[in-house]
């Protein structure tokens, strides 16, 4: 396990092994994503949004706007 120490200013140095695994260099951005209460993941935010192209598949059949609205309304009702 790799560790780092926080300074009095709230800063940490990301260990070299972690920087290498993430592919980040000086000046690159990283994001802290909360995956559950009190647990975060460090994600490199260096790629362009165009790198996501093709990641999601097209649905087998087209979904209508009305069907989307019904799904949103049903999900919203469950949240209350």
N, C-alpha and C. Protein backbone atom coordinates (compact mmCIF):
# COMPACT_ATOMS: atom_id res chain seq x y z
N UNK A 1 0.85 -1.18 0.00
CA UNK A 1 0.00 0.00 0.00
C UNK A 1 0.89 1.23 0.00
N UNK A 2 0.53 2.19 -0.83
CA UNK A 2 1.28 3.44 -0.93
C UNK A 2 0.59 4.50 -0.09
N UNK A 3 1.36 5.27 0.69
CA UNK A 3 0.79 6.30 1.55
C UNK A 3 1.43 7.65 1.27
N UNK A 4 0.78 8.70 1.72
CA UNK A 4 1.30 10.06 1.62
C UNK A 4 0.88 10.80 2.88
N UNK A 5 1.61 11.85 3.22
CA UNK A 5 1.32 12.66 4.41
C UNK A 5 0.82 14.02 3.98
N UNK A 6 -0.23 14.50 4.64
CA UNK A 6 -0.79 15.80 4.34
C UNK A 6 -0.03 16.88 5.11
N UNK A 7 0.24 18.01 4.42
CA UNK A 7 0.91 19.13 5.07
C UNK A 7 -0.11 19.96 5.84
N UNK A 8 0.37 20.94 6.59
CA UNK A 8 -0.52 21.82 7.34
C UNK A 8 -1.40 22.65 6.42
N UNK A 9 -1.02 22.78 5.14
CA UNK A 9 -1.81 23.53 4.16
C UNK A 9 -2.81 22.62 3.42
N UNK A 10 -2.90 21.35 3.81
CA UNK A 10 -3.84 20.43 3.18
C UNK A 10 -3.34 19.85 1.87
N UNK A 11 -2.03 19.90 1.65
CA UNK A 11 -1.47 19.39 0.40
C UNK A 11 -0.82 18.03 0.62
N UNK A 12 -0.87 17.21 -0.43
CA UNK A 12 -0.15 15.94 -0.40
C UNK A 12 0.65 15.80 -1.69
N UNK A 13 1.67 14.99 -1.65
CA UNK A 13 2.43 14.65 -2.84
C UNK A 13 1.98 13.26 -3.25
N UNK A 14 1.51 13.12 -4.49
CA UNK A 14 1.10 11.81 -4.97
C UNK A 14 2.38 11.01 -5.23
N UNK A 15 2.51 9.85 -4.61
CA UNK A 15 3.73 9.05 -4.78
C UNK A 15 4.01 8.72 -6.25
N UNK A 16 5.29 8.59 -6.58
CA UNK A 16 5.71 8.37 -7.97
C UNK A 16 5.04 7.14 -8.58
N UNK A 17 4.92 6.07 -7.83
CA UNK A 17 4.30 4.85 -8.37
C UNK A 17 2.84 5.09 -8.76
N UNK A 18 2.14 5.90 -7.97
CA UNK A 18 0.73 6.20 -8.25
C UNK A 18 0.64 7.12 -9.47
N UNK A 19 1.51 8.14 -9.53
CA UNK A 19 1.52 9.05 -10.70
C UNK A 19 1.78 8.27 -11.98
N UNK A 20 2.70 7.35 -11.91
CA UNK A 20 3.04 6.54 -13.07
C UNK A 20 1.86 5.66 -13.49
N UNK A 21 1.21 5.02 -12.53
CA UNK A 21 0.06 4.15 -12.84
C UNK A 21 -1.10 4.95 -13.43
N UNK A 22 -1.29 6.19 -12.96
CA UNK A 22 -2.37 7.04 -13.47
C UNK A 22 -1.99 7.72 -14.78
N UNK A 23 -0.71 7.77 -15.06
CA UNK A 23 -0.25 8.45 -16.27
C UNK A 23 -0.33 9.95 -16.17
N UNK A 24 -0.17 10.49 -14.96
CA UNK A 24 -0.23 11.94 -14.78
C UNK A 24 1.16 12.52 -14.59
N UNK A 25 1.29 13.76 -15.02
CA UNK A 25 2.56 14.49 -14.91
C UNK A 25 2.27 15.86 -14.31
N UNK A 26 3.31 16.62 -14.06
CA UNK A 26 3.16 17.96 -13.50
C UNK A 26 2.22 18.78 -14.38
N UNK A 27 1.25 19.45 -13.75
CA UNK A 27 0.29 20.28 -14.47
C UNK A 27 -0.99 19.55 -14.85
N UNK A 28 -1.00 18.21 -14.78
CA UNK A 28 -2.21 17.46 -15.10
C UNK A 28 -3.22 17.59 -13.96
N UNK A 29 -4.47 17.35 -14.28
CA UNK A 29 -5.54 17.44 -13.28
C UNK A 29 -5.95 16.04 -12.83
N UNK A 30 -6.37 15.94 -11.58
CA UNK A 30 -6.93 14.71 -11.05
C UNK A 30 -8.26 15.05 -10.38
N UNK A 31 -9.15 14.08 -10.32
CA UNK A 31 -10.44 14.27 -9.67
C UNK A 31 -10.54 13.30 -8.50
N UNK A 32 -11.22 13.75 -7.46
CA UNK A 32 -11.52 12.90 -6.31
C UNK A 32 -13.00 12.56 -6.41
N UNK A 33 -13.31 11.29 -6.63
CA UNK A 33 -14.68 10.84 -6.83
C UNK A 33 -15.11 10.05 -5.60
N UNK A 34 -16.20 10.50 -4.95
CA UNK A 34 -16.71 9.80 -3.78
C UNK A 34 -17.47 8.56 -4.24
N UNK A 35 -16.97 7.37 -3.89
CA UNK A 35 -17.60 6.12 -4.30
C UNK A 35 -18.57 5.60 -3.24
N UNK A 36 -18.38 6.00 -2.01
CA UNK A 36 -19.30 5.74 -0.90
C UNK A 36 -18.93 6.70 0.21
N UNK A 37 -19.75 6.79 1.22
CA UNK A 37 -19.49 7.74 2.30
C UNK A 37 -18.11 7.52 2.90
N UNK A 38 -17.28 8.54 2.86
CA UNK A 38 -15.95 8.46 3.45
C UNK A 38 -14.91 7.73 2.61
N UNK A 39 -15.25 7.35 1.38
CA UNK A 39 -14.30 6.63 0.51
C UNK A 39 -14.25 7.32 -0.86
N UNK A 40 -13.05 7.68 -1.28
CA UNK A 40 -12.86 8.39 -2.53
C UNK A 40 -11.89 7.64 -3.43
N UNK A 41 -12.03 7.84 -4.73
CA UNK A 41 -11.08 7.33 -5.71
C UNK A 41 -10.42 8.52 -6.39
N UNK A 42 -9.16 8.37 -6.69
CA UNK A 42 -8.39 9.39 -7.40
C UNK A 42 -8.38 9.00 -8.86
N UNK A 43 -8.88 9.90 -9.73
CA UNK A 43 -9.00 9.61 -11.14
C UNK A 43 -8.26 10.67 -11.94
N UNK A 44 -7.45 10.24 -12.90
CA UNK A 44 -6.77 11.18 -13.78
C UNK A 44 -7.80 11.86 -14.67
N UNK A 45 -7.75 13.17 -14.76
CA UNK A 45 -8.70 13.94 -15.58
C UNK A 45 -7.95 14.59 -16.73
N UNK A 46 -7.09 13.81 -17.37
CA UNK A 46 -6.22 14.36 -18.40
C UNK A 46 -6.73 14.12 -19.81
N UNK A 47 -7.68 13.19 -19.98
CA UNK A 47 -8.15 12.88 -21.32
C UNK A 47 -9.26 13.83 -21.74
N UNK A 48 -9.36 14.02 -23.04
CA UNK A 48 -10.42 14.83 -23.61
C UNK A 48 -11.72 14.03 -23.58
N UNK A 49 -12.83 14.72 -23.59
CA UNK A 49 -14.13 14.05 -23.60
C UNK A 49 -14.29 13.22 -24.87
N UNK A 50 -13.58 13.56 -25.93
CA UNK A 50 -13.68 12.79 -27.17
C UNK A 50 -13.11 11.38 -27.01
N UNK A 51 -12.31 11.15 -25.97
CA UNK A 51 -11.77 9.82 -25.73
C UNK A 51 -12.87 8.85 -25.29
N UNK A 52 -14.03 9.38 -24.88
CA UNK A 52 -15.14 8.54 -24.45
C UNK A 52 -15.98 8.01 -25.61
N UNK A 53 -15.72 8.52 -26.82
CA UNK A 53 -16.50 8.12 -27.97
C UNK A 53 -16.44 6.61 -28.16
N UNK A 54 -17.61 6.00 -28.33
CA UNK A 54 -17.69 4.56 -28.55
C UNK A 54 -17.73 3.75 -27.27
N UNK A 55 -17.64 4.39 -26.13
CA UNK A 55 -17.64 3.67 -24.85
C UNK A 55 -19.01 3.05 -24.56
N UNK A 56 -20.07 3.79 -24.87
CA UNK A 56 -21.43 3.28 -24.64
C UNK A 56 -21.99 2.78 -25.97
N UNK A 57 -22.70 1.67 -25.88
CA UNK A 57 -23.31 1.11 -27.09
C UNK A 57 -24.64 1.77 -27.38
N UNK A 58 -25.03 1.71 -28.64
CA UNK A 58 -26.35 2.20 -29.02
C UNK A 58 -27.38 1.19 -28.55
N UNK A 59 -28.57 1.67 -28.14
CA UNK A 59 -29.61 0.72 -27.73
C UNK A 59 -30.08 -0.09 -28.94
N UNK A 60 -30.56 -1.31 -28.68
CA UNK A 60 -31.04 -2.18 -29.76
C UNK A 60 -32.22 -1.55 -30.48
N UNK A 61 -33.08 -0.88 -29.73
CA UNK A 61 -34.21 -0.17 -30.35
C UNK A 61 -34.19 1.27 -29.85
N UNK A 62 -34.69 2.15 -30.68
CA UNK A 62 -34.74 3.57 -30.31
C UNK A 62 -35.71 3.77 -29.15
N UNK A 63 -35.38 4.69 -28.26
CA UNK A 63 -36.23 5.01 -27.12
C UNK A 63 -36.86 6.37 -27.38
N UNK A 64 -38.17 6.45 -27.23
CA UNK A 64 -38.87 7.71 -27.50
C UNK A 64 -38.70 8.67 -26.32
N UNK A 65 -38.92 9.93 -26.59
CA UNK A 65 -38.87 10.96 -25.56
C UNK A 65 -39.91 10.66 -24.49
N UNK A 66 -41.11 10.23 -24.91
CA UNK A 66 -42.18 9.91 -23.96
C UNK A 66 -41.75 8.78 -23.03
N UNK A 67 -41.09 7.75 -23.58
CA UNK A 67 -40.62 6.63 -22.75
C UNK A 67 -39.56 7.10 -21.77
N UNK A 68 -38.67 7.99 -22.22
CA UNK A 68 -37.65 8.54 -21.32
C UNK A 68 -38.29 9.32 -20.19
N UNK A 69 -39.27 10.15 -20.52
CA UNK A 69 -39.97 10.95 -19.50
C UNK A 69 -40.68 10.06 -18.49
N UNK A 70 -41.32 8.97 -18.96
CA UNK A 70 -41.98 8.04 -18.04
C UNK A 70 -40.97 7.40 -17.09
N UNK A 71 -39.82 6.99 -17.62
CA UNK A 71 -38.79 6.37 -16.79
C UNK A 71 -38.25 7.35 -15.77
N UNK A 72 -38.05 8.59 -16.17
CA UNK A 72 -37.56 9.62 -15.25
C UNK A 72 -38.59 9.88 -14.15
N UNK A 73 -39.85 9.98 -14.54
CA UNK A 73 -40.91 10.24 -13.56
C UNK A 73 -41.04 9.08 -12.58
N UNK A 74 -40.96 7.85 -13.07
CA UNK A 74 -41.06 6.68 -12.20
C UNK A 74 -39.89 6.62 -11.23
N UNK A 75 -38.71 6.89 -11.72
CA UNK A 75 -37.52 6.86 -10.86
C UNK A 75 -37.58 7.98 -9.83
N UNK A 76 -38.07 9.16 -10.24
CA UNK A 76 -38.18 10.28 -9.32
C UNK A 76 -39.20 10.01 -8.22
N UNK A 77 -40.27 9.32 -8.58
CA UNK A 77 -41.30 9.00 -7.58
C UNK A 77 -40.76 8.03 -6.54
N UNK A 78 -39.88 7.12 -6.96
CA UNK A 78 -39.28 6.15 -6.02
C UNK A 78 -38.33 6.83 -5.05
N UNK A 79 -37.69 7.91 -5.49
CA UNK A 79 -36.71 8.62 -4.65
C UNK A 79 -37.38 9.36 -3.51
N UNK A 80 -38.64 9.67 -3.63
CA UNK A 80 -39.34 10.44 -2.59
C UNK A 80 -39.81 9.54 -1.55
